[in-house]
């Protein structure tokens, strides 16, 4: 087994709308190149899945505290967790999850191997890091989910 699999302190967490490594995982990734870390995580989707389930459990705990105990602290960050739940659903359906690293670098991991090879890279939303197969899907997503930022995006292009 590899060091990433053996260390139970490693995992993922939410930082705003981004899925990021916790401190222990970030330190381990820093020891390796990004490519090696991506290869390790891609070869061990069950490990990434365990980390994602822990975030899901946090969401469920906060959701219950918000809904049943009217806890304003629990309610405060629910939108970030709800966005995460969309990413988790995509992951469960065989999609790709983006793990954002310092320096605006990203590791993308799929739960199941990708069998199709595209000549074009996947399109990714700069705001929430969701990945789309086509630019049309990305633009539709931006219009629906980030309408305030669409004008800013259009002037930057």
N, C-alpha and C. Protein backbone atom coordinates (compact mmCIF):
# COMPACT_ATOMS: atom_id res chain seq x y z
N UNK A 1 0.83 -1.19 0.00
CA UNK A 1 0.00 0.00 0.00
C UNK A 1 0.87 1.24 0.00
N UNK A 2 0.33 2.27 -0.54
CA UNK A 2 1.04 3.52 -0.69
C UNK A 2 0.81 4.42 0.52
N UNK A 3 1.71 5.37 0.76
CA UNK A 3 1.63 6.27 1.91
C UNK A 3 0.31 7.03 1.95
N UNK A 4 -0.23 7.42 0.78
CA UNK A 4 -1.50 8.15 0.76
C UNK A 4 -2.64 7.29 1.28
N UNK A 5 -2.55 6.00 1.05
CA UNK A 5 -3.60 5.09 1.50
C UNK A 5 -3.47 4.76 2.97
N UNK A 6 -2.25 4.73 3.48
CA UNK A 6 -2.00 4.31 4.85
C UNK A 6 -2.34 5.37 5.89
N UNK A 7 -2.19 6.63 5.55
CA UNK A 7 -2.34 7.71 6.51
C UNK A 7 -3.80 8.14 6.60
N UNK A 8 -4.44 7.81 7.72
CA UNK A 8 -5.87 8.12 7.91
C UNK A 8 -6.12 9.60 8.15
N UNK A 9 -5.07 10.38 8.43
CA UNK A 9 -5.26 11.82 8.66
C UNK A 9 -5.44 12.58 7.35
N UNK A 10 -5.12 11.95 6.23
CA UNK A 10 -5.23 12.62 4.94
C UNK A 10 -6.66 12.59 4.45
N UNK A 11 -7.01 13.63 3.70
CA UNK A 11 -8.35 13.68 3.15
C UNK A 11 -8.58 14.95 2.38
N UNK A 12 -9.84 15.18 2.07
CA UNK A 12 -10.26 16.36 1.33
C UNK A 12 -11.17 17.20 2.21
N UNK A 13 -11.28 18.47 1.86
CA UNK A 13 -12.18 19.37 2.58
C UNK A 13 -12.70 20.41 1.59
N UNK A 14 -13.68 21.16 2.02
CA UNK A 14 -14.20 22.24 1.20
C UNK A 14 -13.55 23.54 1.64
N UNK A 15 -13.18 24.32 0.65
CA UNK A 15 -12.67 25.68 0.89
C UNK A 15 -13.46 26.56 -0.06
N UNK A 16 -14.50 27.18 0.47
CA UNK A 16 -15.43 27.87 -0.40
C UNK A 16 -16.15 26.84 -1.25
N UNK A 17 -16.15 27.05 -2.55
CA UNK A 17 -16.78 26.09 -3.45
C UNK A 17 -15.80 25.08 -4.03
N UNK A 18 -14.57 25.10 -3.58
CA UNK A 18 -13.55 24.21 -4.11
C UNK A 18 -13.32 23.01 -3.19
N UNK A 19 -13.01 21.89 -3.81
CA UNK A 19 -12.58 20.71 -3.07
C UNK A 19 -11.07 20.78 -3.03
N UNK A 20 -10.51 20.80 -1.83
CA UNK A 20 -9.07 20.96 -1.66
C UNK A 20 -8.54 19.88 -0.74
N UNK A 21 -7.24 19.58 -0.81
CA UNK A 21 -6.66 18.62 0.13
C UNK A 21 -6.57 19.24 1.52
N UNK A 22 -6.75 18.40 2.55
CA UNK A 22 -6.52 18.92 3.89
C UNK A 22 -5.00 19.08 4.06
N UNK A 23 -4.58 19.60 5.19
CA UNK A 23 -3.16 19.91 5.38
C UNK A 23 -2.27 18.68 5.22
N UNK A 24 -2.68 17.55 5.79
CA UNK A 24 -1.86 16.34 5.70
C UNK A 24 -1.70 15.87 4.26
N UNK A 25 -2.79 15.89 3.50
CA UNK A 25 -2.72 15.47 2.09
C UNK A 25 -1.94 16.48 1.27
N UNK A 26 -2.13 17.76 1.54
CA UNK A 26 -1.39 18.79 0.80
C UNK A 26 0.12 18.62 1.00
N UNK A 27 0.53 18.31 2.22
CA UNK A 27 1.96 18.07 2.48
C UNK A 27 2.47 16.84 1.74
N UNK A 28 1.66 15.80 1.69
CA UNK A 28 2.07 14.59 0.97
C UNK A 28 2.17 14.86 -0.52
N UNK A 29 1.23 15.61 -1.07
CA UNK A 29 1.26 15.93 -2.50
C UNK A 29 2.49 16.78 -2.81
N UNK A 30 2.87 17.67 -1.89
CA UNK A 30 4.03 18.53 -2.10
C UNK A 30 5.32 17.72 -2.24
N UNK A 31 5.35 16.54 -1.65
CA UNK A 31 6.53 15.67 -1.74
C UNK A 31 6.67 15.09 -3.15
N UNK A 32 5.53 14.86 -3.80
CA UNK A 32 5.50 14.27 -5.13
C UNK A 32 5.28 15.37 -6.17
N UNK A 33 5.46 15.02 -7.43
CA UNK A 33 5.05 15.94 -8.49
C UNK A 33 3.53 15.83 -8.60
N UNK A 34 2.93 16.83 -9.20
CA UNK A 34 1.47 16.81 -9.39
C UNK A 34 1.07 15.58 -10.20
N UNK A 35 1.85 15.25 -11.19
CA UNK A 35 1.54 14.10 -12.06
C UNK A 35 1.53 12.79 -11.26
N UNK A 36 2.52 12.62 -10.39
CA UNK A 36 2.57 11.39 -9.58
C UNK A 36 1.38 11.35 -8.63
N UNK A 37 1.07 12.48 -7.99
CA UNK A 37 -0.09 12.52 -7.08
C UNK A 37 -1.37 12.21 -7.84
N UNK A 38 -1.52 12.76 -9.05
CA UNK A 38 -2.72 12.48 -9.84
C UNK A 38 -2.78 11.00 -10.21
N UNK A 39 -1.65 10.42 -10.58
CA UNK A 39 -1.63 9.00 -10.92
C UNK A 39 -2.03 8.13 -9.72
N UNK A 40 -1.50 8.47 -8.54
CA UNK A 40 -1.82 7.71 -7.33
C UNK A 40 -3.32 7.81 -7.04
N UNK A 41 -3.86 9.02 -7.09
CA UNK A 41 -5.28 9.19 -6.81
C UNK A 41 -6.16 8.56 -7.88
N UNK A 42 -5.73 8.64 -9.14
CA UNK A 42 -6.49 8.01 -10.23
C UNK A 42 -6.50 6.50 -10.11
N UNK A 43 -5.41 5.94 -9.62
CA UNK A 43 -5.32 4.49 -9.43
C UNK A 43 -6.07 4.02 -8.19
N UNK A 44 -6.47 4.97 -7.33
CA UNK A 44 -7.15 4.62 -6.07
C UNK A 44 -8.43 5.44 -5.89
N UNK A 45 -9.38 5.31 -6.83
CA UNK A 45 -10.60 6.11 -6.71
C UNK A 45 -11.39 5.79 -5.44
N UNK A 46 -11.22 4.57 -4.90
CA UNK A 46 -11.92 4.23 -3.66
C UNK A 46 -11.44 5.10 -2.50
N UNK A 47 -10.18 5.46 -2.52
CA UNK A 47 -9.62 6.34 -1.50
C UNK A 47 -10.23 7.74 -1.62
N UNK A 48 -10.28 8.27 -2.84
CA UNK A 48 -10.90 9.57 -3.08
C UNK A 48 -12.37 9.50 -2.70
N UNK A 49 -13.03 8.40 -3.02
CA UNK A 49 -14.44 8.23 -2.69
C UNK A 49 -14.66 8.29 -1.18
N UNK A 50 -13.79 7.64 -0.41
CA UNK A 50 -13.89 7.69 1.06
C UNK A 50 -13.80 9.13 1.56
N UNK A 51 -12.86 9.89 1.00
CA UNK A 51 -12.68 11.28 1.41
C UNK A 51 -13.91 12.11 1.04
N UNK A 52 -14.47 11.86 -0.14
CA UNK A 52 -15.67 12.59 -0.56
C UNK A 52 -16.86 12.24 0.33
N UNK A 53 -16.96 10.99 0.75
CA UNK A 53 -18.07 10.57 1.63
C UNK A 53 -17.97 11.26 2.99
N UNK A 54 -16.77 11.52 3.45
CA UNK A 54 -16.61 12.25 4.72
C UNK A 54 -17.16 13.67 4.59
N UNK A 55 -16.90 14.31 3.45
CA UNK A 55 -17.46 15.65 3.22
C UNK A 55 -18.99 15.56 3.14
N UNK A 56 -19.49 14.51 2.48
CA UNK A 56 -20.93 14.30 2.40
C UNK A 56 -21.53 14.13 3.80
N UNK A 57 -20.85 13.37 4.66
CA UNK A 57 -21.33 13.19 6.04
C UNK A 57 -21.36 14.52 6.79
N UNK A 58 -20.35 15.38 6.55
CA UNK A 58 -20.34 16.72 7.16
C UNK A 58 -21.57 17.50 6.69
N UNK A 59 -21.86 17.40 5.40
CA UNK A 59 -23.03 18.09 4.84
C UNK A 59 -24.31 17.61 5.52
N UNK A 60 -24.46 16.30 5.65
CA UNK A 60 -25.67 15.76 6.25
C UNK A 60 -25.81 16.22 7.70
N UNK A 61 -24.71 16.26 8.43
CA UNK A 61 -24.73 16.72 9.82
C UNK A 61 -25.15 18.19 9.89
N UNK A 62 -24.56 19.02 9.02
CA UNK A 62 -24.91 20.45 8.99
C UNK A 62 -26.35 20.64 8.53
N UNK A 63 -26.79 19.87 7.56
CA UNK A 63 -28.15 19.98 7.05
C UNK A 63 -29.15 19.67 8.17
N UNK A 64 -28.90 18.59 8.92
CA UNK A 64 -29.80 18.23 10.03
C UNK A 64 -29.80 19.31 11.10
N UNK A 65 -28.62 19.82 11.44
CA UNK A 65 -28.53 20.87 12.45
C UNK A 65 -29.25 22.13 12.01
N UNK A 66 -29.15 22.43 10.75
CA UNK A 66 -29.83 23.62 10.20
C UNK A 66 -31.35 23.42 10.18
N UNK A 67 -31.78 22.27 9.65
CA UNK A 67 -33.21 22.03 9.47
C UNK A 67 -33.95 21.75 10.77
N UNK A 68 -33.34 20.98 11.66
CA UNK A 68 -34.06 20.53 12.85
C UNK A 68 -33.72 21.31 14.11
N UNK A 69 -32.54 21.88 14.16
CA UNK A 69 -32.14 22.63 15.35
C UNK A 69 -32.07 24.13 15.09
N UNK A 70 -32.36 24.53 13.85
CA UNK A 70 -32.28 25.94 13.46
C UNK A 70 -30.95 26.58 13.87
N UNK A 71 -29.88 25.84 13.68
CA UNK A 71 -28.54 26.31 14.03
C UNK A 71 -28.03 27.24 12.93
N UNK A 72 -27.91 28.55 13.20
CA UNK A 72 -27.48 29.48 12.15
C UNK A 72 -26.06 29.23 11.66
N UNK A 73 -25.20 28.72 12.52
CA UNK A 73 -23.82 28.42 12.12
C UNK A 73 -23.83 27.27 11.11
N UNK A 74 -24.62 26.27 11.37
CA UNK A 74 -24.72 25.13 10.44
C UNK A 74 -25.33 25.57 9.11
N UNK A 75 -26.29 26.49 9.17
CA UNK A 75 -26.96 26.95 7.95
C UNK A 75 -26.07 27.85 7.09
N UNK A 76 -25.10 28.49 7.71
CA UNK A 76 -24.31 29.51 7.04
C UNK A 76 -23.61 29.02 5.77
N UNK A 77 -22.96 27.86 5.81
CA UNK A 77 -22.17 27.39 4.66
C UNK A 77 -22.86 26.30 3.86
N UNK A 78 -24.15 26.13 4.03
CA UNK A 78 -24.83 25.04 3.32
C UNK A 78 -24.75 25.17 1.81
N UNK A 79 -24.73 26.39 1.27
CA UNK A 79 -24.67 26.52 -0.19
C UNK A 79 -23.39 25.91 -0.75
N UNK A 80 -22.28 26.02 -0.02
CA UNK A 80 -21.03 25.40 -0.46
C UNK A 80 -21.17 23.88 -0.49
N UNK A 81 -21.80 23.33 0.54
CA UNK A 81 -22.01 21.89 0.60
C UNK A 81 -23.01 21.43 -0.47
N UNK A 82 -24.01 22.24 -0.75
CA UNK A 82 -24.98 21.87 -1.79
C UNK A 82 -24.31 21.85 -3.16
N UNK A 83 -23.40 22.78 -3.41
CA UNK A 83 -22.64 22.76 -4.66
C UNK A 83 -21.76 21.51 -4.70
N UNK A 84 -21.15 21.16 -3.57
CA UNK A 84 -20.36 19.94 -3.48
C UNK A 84 -21.20 18.71 -3.81
N UNK A 85 -22.43 18.69 -3.33
CA UNK A 85 -23.31 17.54 -3.58
C UNK A 85 -23.53 17.33 -5.07
N UNK A 86 -23.57 18.42 -5.84
CA UNK A 86 -23.68 18.30 -7.30
C UNK A 86 -22.43 17.62 -7.87
N UNK A 87 -21.27 18.01 -7.37
CA UNK A 87 -20.02 17.38 -7.80
C UNK A 87 -20.01 15.90 -7.41
N UNK A 88 -20.48 15.60 -6.21
CA UNK A 88 -20.53 14.22 -5.73
C UNK A 88 -21.46 13.38 -6.61
N UNK A 89 -22.58 13.94 -6.99
CA UNK A 89 -23.52 13.23 -7.88
C UNK A 89 -22.85 12.93 -9.22
N UNK A 90 -22.13 13.92 -9.75
CA UNK A 90 -21.39 13.71 -10.99
C UNK A 90 -20.35 12.60 -10.81
N UNK A 91 -19.64 12.63 -9.70
CA UNK A 91 -18.65 11.60 -9.37
C UNK A 91 -19.32 10.23 -9.33
N UNK A 92 -20.46 10.13 -8.65
CA UNK A 92 -21.18 8.86 -8.54
C UNK A 92 -21.64 8.35 -9.90
N UNK A 93 -21.89 9.27 -10.83
CA UNK A 93 -22.32 8.89 -12.18
C UNK A 93 -21.14 8.61 -13.11
N UNK A 94 -19.92 8.59 -12.56
CA UNK A 94 -18.75 8.28 -13.37
C UNK A 94 -18.01 9.51 -13.87
N UNK A 95 -18.38 10.67 -13.37
CA UNK A 95 -17.75 11.91 -13.81
C UNK A 95 -16.41 12.16 -13.13
N UNK A 96 -15.90 13.32 -13.38
CA UNK A 96 -14.59 13.72 -12.88
C UNK A 96 -14.76 14.69 -11.73
N UNK A 97 -13.93 14.54 -10.71
CA UNK A 97 -13.91 15.47 -9.59
C UNK A 97 -12.61 16.27 -9.69
N UNK A 98 -12.70 17.56 -9.43
CA UNK A 98 -11.53 18.43 -9.48
C UNK A 98 -11.08 18.74 -8.06
N UNK A 99 -9.81 18.47 -7.79
CA UNK A 99 -9.20 18.78 -6.50
C UNK A 99 -8.26 19.95 -6.74
N UNK A 100 -8.57 21.08 -6.14
CA UNK A 100 -7.80 22.30 -6.36
C UNK A 100 -6.63 22.37 -5.40
N UNK A 101 -5.45 22.61 -5.95
CA UNK A 101 -4.23 22.70 -5.16
C UNK A 101 -3.76 24.15 -5.10
N UNK A 102 -2.86 24.45 -4.18
CA UNK A 102 -2.30 25.81 -4.15
C UNK A 102 -1.66 26.15 -5.50
N UNK A 103 -1.62 27.43 -5.78
CA UNK A 103 -1.05 27.86 -7.06
C UNK A 103 -2.00 27.69 -8.21
N UNK A 104 -3.30 27.56 -7.91
CA UNK A 104 -4.33 27.40 -8.94
C UNK A 104 -4.08 26.18 -9.83
N UNK A 105 -3.51 25.14 -9.25
CA UNK A 105 -3.32 23.88 -9.97
C UNK A 105 -4.44 22.93 -9.60
N UNK A 106 -4.78 22.03 -10.49
CA UNK A 106 -5.90 21.13 -10.27
C UNK A 106 -5.53 19.71 -10.64
N UNK A 107 -5.95 18.79 -9.79
CA UNK A 107 -5.87 17.36 -10.10
C UNK A 107 -7.30 16.91 -10.39
N UNK A 108 -7.48 16.21 -11.49
CA UNK A 108 -8.80 15.69 -11.84
C UNK A 108 -8.77 14.18 -11.75
N UNK A 109 -9.76 13.63 -11.05
CA UNK A 109 -9.82 12.20 -10.81
C UNK A 109 -11.20 11.70 -11.17
N UNK A 110 -11.26 10.54 -11.81
CA UNK A 110 -12.52 9.91 -12.16
C UNK A 110 -12.72 8.66 -11.32
N UNK A 111 -13.97 8.41 -10.95
CA UNK A 111 -14.29 7.23 -10.16
C UNK A 111 -14.10 5.95 -10.98
N UNK A 112 -14.42 6.05 -12.25
CA UNK A 112 -14.24 4.90 -13.13
C UNK A 112 -13.36 5.32 -14.29
N UNK A 113 -12.62 4.39 -14.84
CA UNK A 113 -11.72 4.74 -15.94
C UNK A 113 -12.48 5.37 -17.10
N UNK A 114 -11.85 6.33 -17.71
CA UNK A 114 -12.44 6.97 -18.89
C UNK A 114 -12.00 6.19 -20.12
N UNK A 115 -12.96 5.75 -20.91
CA UNK A 115 -12.63 4.93 -22.06
C UNK A 115 -12.56 5.71 -23.35
N UNK A 116 -13.25 6.84 -23.40
CA UNK A 116 -13.21 7.63 -24.63
C UNK A 116 -12.07 8.63 -24.55
N UNK A 117 -11.47 8.87 -25.68
CA UNK A 117 -10.38 9.83 -25.75
C UNK A 117 -10.84 10.98 -26.62
N UNK A 118 -10.75 12.17 -26.09
CA UNK A 118 -11.18 13.35 -26.81
C UNK A 118 -9.95 14.10 -27.32
N UNK A 119 -10.05 14.64 -28.53
CA UNK A 119 -8.95 15.44 -29.06
C UNK A 119 -8.90 16.79 -28.38
N UNK A 120 -10.04 17.23 -27.84
CA UNK A 120 -10.11 18.51 -27.14
C UNK A 120 -10.15 18.23 -25.63
N UNK A 121 -9.48 19.07 -24.86
CA UNK A 121 -9.58 18.90 -23.41
C UNK A 121 -10.97 19.27 -22.93
N UNK A 122 -11.34 18.76 -21.77
CA UNK A 122 -12.63 19.10 -21.21
C UNK A 122 -12.68 20.58 -20.86
N UNK A 123 -13.87 21.16 -20.95
CA UNK A 123 -14.07 22.56 -20.59
C UNK A 123 -14.37 22.62 -19.10
N UNK A 124 -13.77 23.57 -18.39
CA UNK A 124 -13.92 23.66 -16.95
C UNK A 124 -14.37 25.05 -16.55
N UNK A 125 -15.32 25.13 -15.62
CA UNK A 125 -15.80 26.41 -15.12
C UNK A 125 -14.74 26.98 -14.18
N UNK A 126 -14.31 28.20 -14.45
CA UNK A 126 -13.29 28.84 -13.64
C UNK A 126 -13.79 29.18 -12.24
N UNK A 127 -15.09 29.26 -12.06
CA UNK A 127 -15.65 29.68 -10.78
C UNK A 127 -15.83 28.49 -9.83
N UNK A 128 -16.48 27.43 -10.30
CA UNK A 128 -16.78 26.31 -9.40
C UNK A 128 -16.03 25.02 -9.75
N UNK A 129 -15.24 25.05 -10.83
CA UNK A 129 -14.40 23.92 -11.25
C UNK A 129 -15.16 22.71 -11.76
N UNK A 130 -16.46 22.85 -12.06
CA UNK A 130 -17.17 21.74 -12.68
C UNK A 130 -16.62 21.57 -14.09
N UNK A 131 -16.61 20.34 -14.58
CA UNK A 131 -16.05 20.03 -15.88
C UNK A 131 -17.16 19.63 -16.84
N UNK A 132 -17.04 20.10 -18.09
CA UNK A 132 -18.05 19.84 -19.11
C UNK A 132 -17.38 19.33 -20.38
N UNK A 133 -18.11 18.54 -21.13
CA UNK A 133 -17.55 17.95 -22.35
C UNK A 133 -17.44 18.96 -23.48
N UNK A 134 -18.36 19.92 -23.52
CA UNK A 134 -18.35 20.88 -24.62
C UNK A 134 -18.40 22.31 -24.10
N UNK A 135 -17.99 23.23 -24.95
CA UNK A 135 -18.06 24.64 -24.60
C UNK A 135 -19.52 25.09 -24.46
N UNK A 136 -20.40 24.52 -25.26
CA UNK A 136 -21.83 24.85 -25.18
C UNK A 136 -22.38 24.51 -23.78
N UNK A 137 -22.04 23.33 -23.26
CA UNK A 137 -22.49 22.94 -21.92
C UNK A 137 -21.92 23.89 -20.87
N UNK A 138 -20.66 24.27 -21.05
CA UNK A 138 -20.02 25.20 -20.11
C UNK A 138 -20.74 26.55 -20.13
N UNK A 139 -21.05 27.08 -21.30
CA UNK A 139 -21.72 28.37 -21.40
C UNK A 139 -23.12 28.30 -20.78
N UNK A 140 -23.83 27.21 -21.01
CA UNK A 140 -25.16 27.04 -20.41
C UNK A 140 -25.04 27.03 -18.89
N UNK A 141 -24.06 26.32 -18.39
CA UNK A 141 -23.81 26.26 -16.94
C UNK A 141 -23.53 27.65 -16.39
N UNK A 142 -22.66 28.40 -17.06
CA UNK A 142 -22.31 29.75 -16.59
C UNK A 142 -23.54 30.66 -16.57
N UNK A 143 -24.38 30.55 -17.60
CA UNK A 143 -25.58 31.39 -17.65
C UNK A 143 -26.55 31.04 -16.53
N UNK A 144 -26.66 29.74 -16.20
CA UNK A 144 -27.60 29.32 -15.18
C UNK A 144 -27.06 29.51 -13.77
N UNK A 145 -25.80 29.17 -13.56
CA UNK A 145 -25.25 29.14 -12.20
C UNK A 145 -24.47 30.39 -11.81
N UNK A 146 -23.92 31.09 -12.77
CA UNK A 146 -23.09 32.24 -12.47
C UNK A 146 -23.45 33.44 -13.35
N UNK A 147 -24.73 33.84 -13.38
CA UNK A 147 -25.13 34.92 -14.30
C UNK A 147 -24.43 36.24 -14.00
N UNK A 148 -24.10 36.50 -12.75
CA UNK A 148 -23.44 37.77 -12.41
C UNK A 148 -22.04 37.82 -12.99
N UNK A 149 -21.43 36.68 -13.20
CA UNK A 149 -20.05 36.62 -13.68
C UNK A 149 -19.97 36.47 -15.20
N UNK A 150 -21.08 36.21 -15.87
CA UNK A 150 -21.05 35.94 -17.31
C UNK A 150 -20.60 37.17 -18.10
N UNK A 151 -21.05 38.35 -17.70
CA UNK A 151 -20.65 39.56 -18.41
C UNK A 151 -19.14 39.78 -18.25
N UNK A 152 -18.65 39.56 -17.05
CA UNK A 152 -17.22 39.69 -16.78
C UNK A 152 -16.43 38.70 -17.63
N UNK A 153 -16.94 37.47 -17.78
CA UNK A 153 -16.28 36.45 -18.58
C UNK A 153 -16.25 36.85 -20.06
N UNK A 154 -17.37 37.36 -20.54
CA UNK A 154 -17.48 37.70 -21.96
C UNK A 154 -16.53 38.84 -22.33
N UNK A 155 -16.30 39.80 -21.45
CA UNK A 155 -15.39 40.90 -21.74
C UNK A 155 -13.95 40.45 -21.64
N UNK A 156 -13.67 39.40 -20.87
CA UNK A 156 -12.30 38.90 -20.73
C UNK A 156 -11.90 38.04 -21.93
N UNK A 157 -12.87 37.47 -22.64
CA UNK A 157 -12.56 36.57 -23.76
C UNK A 157 -12.12 37.31 -24.98
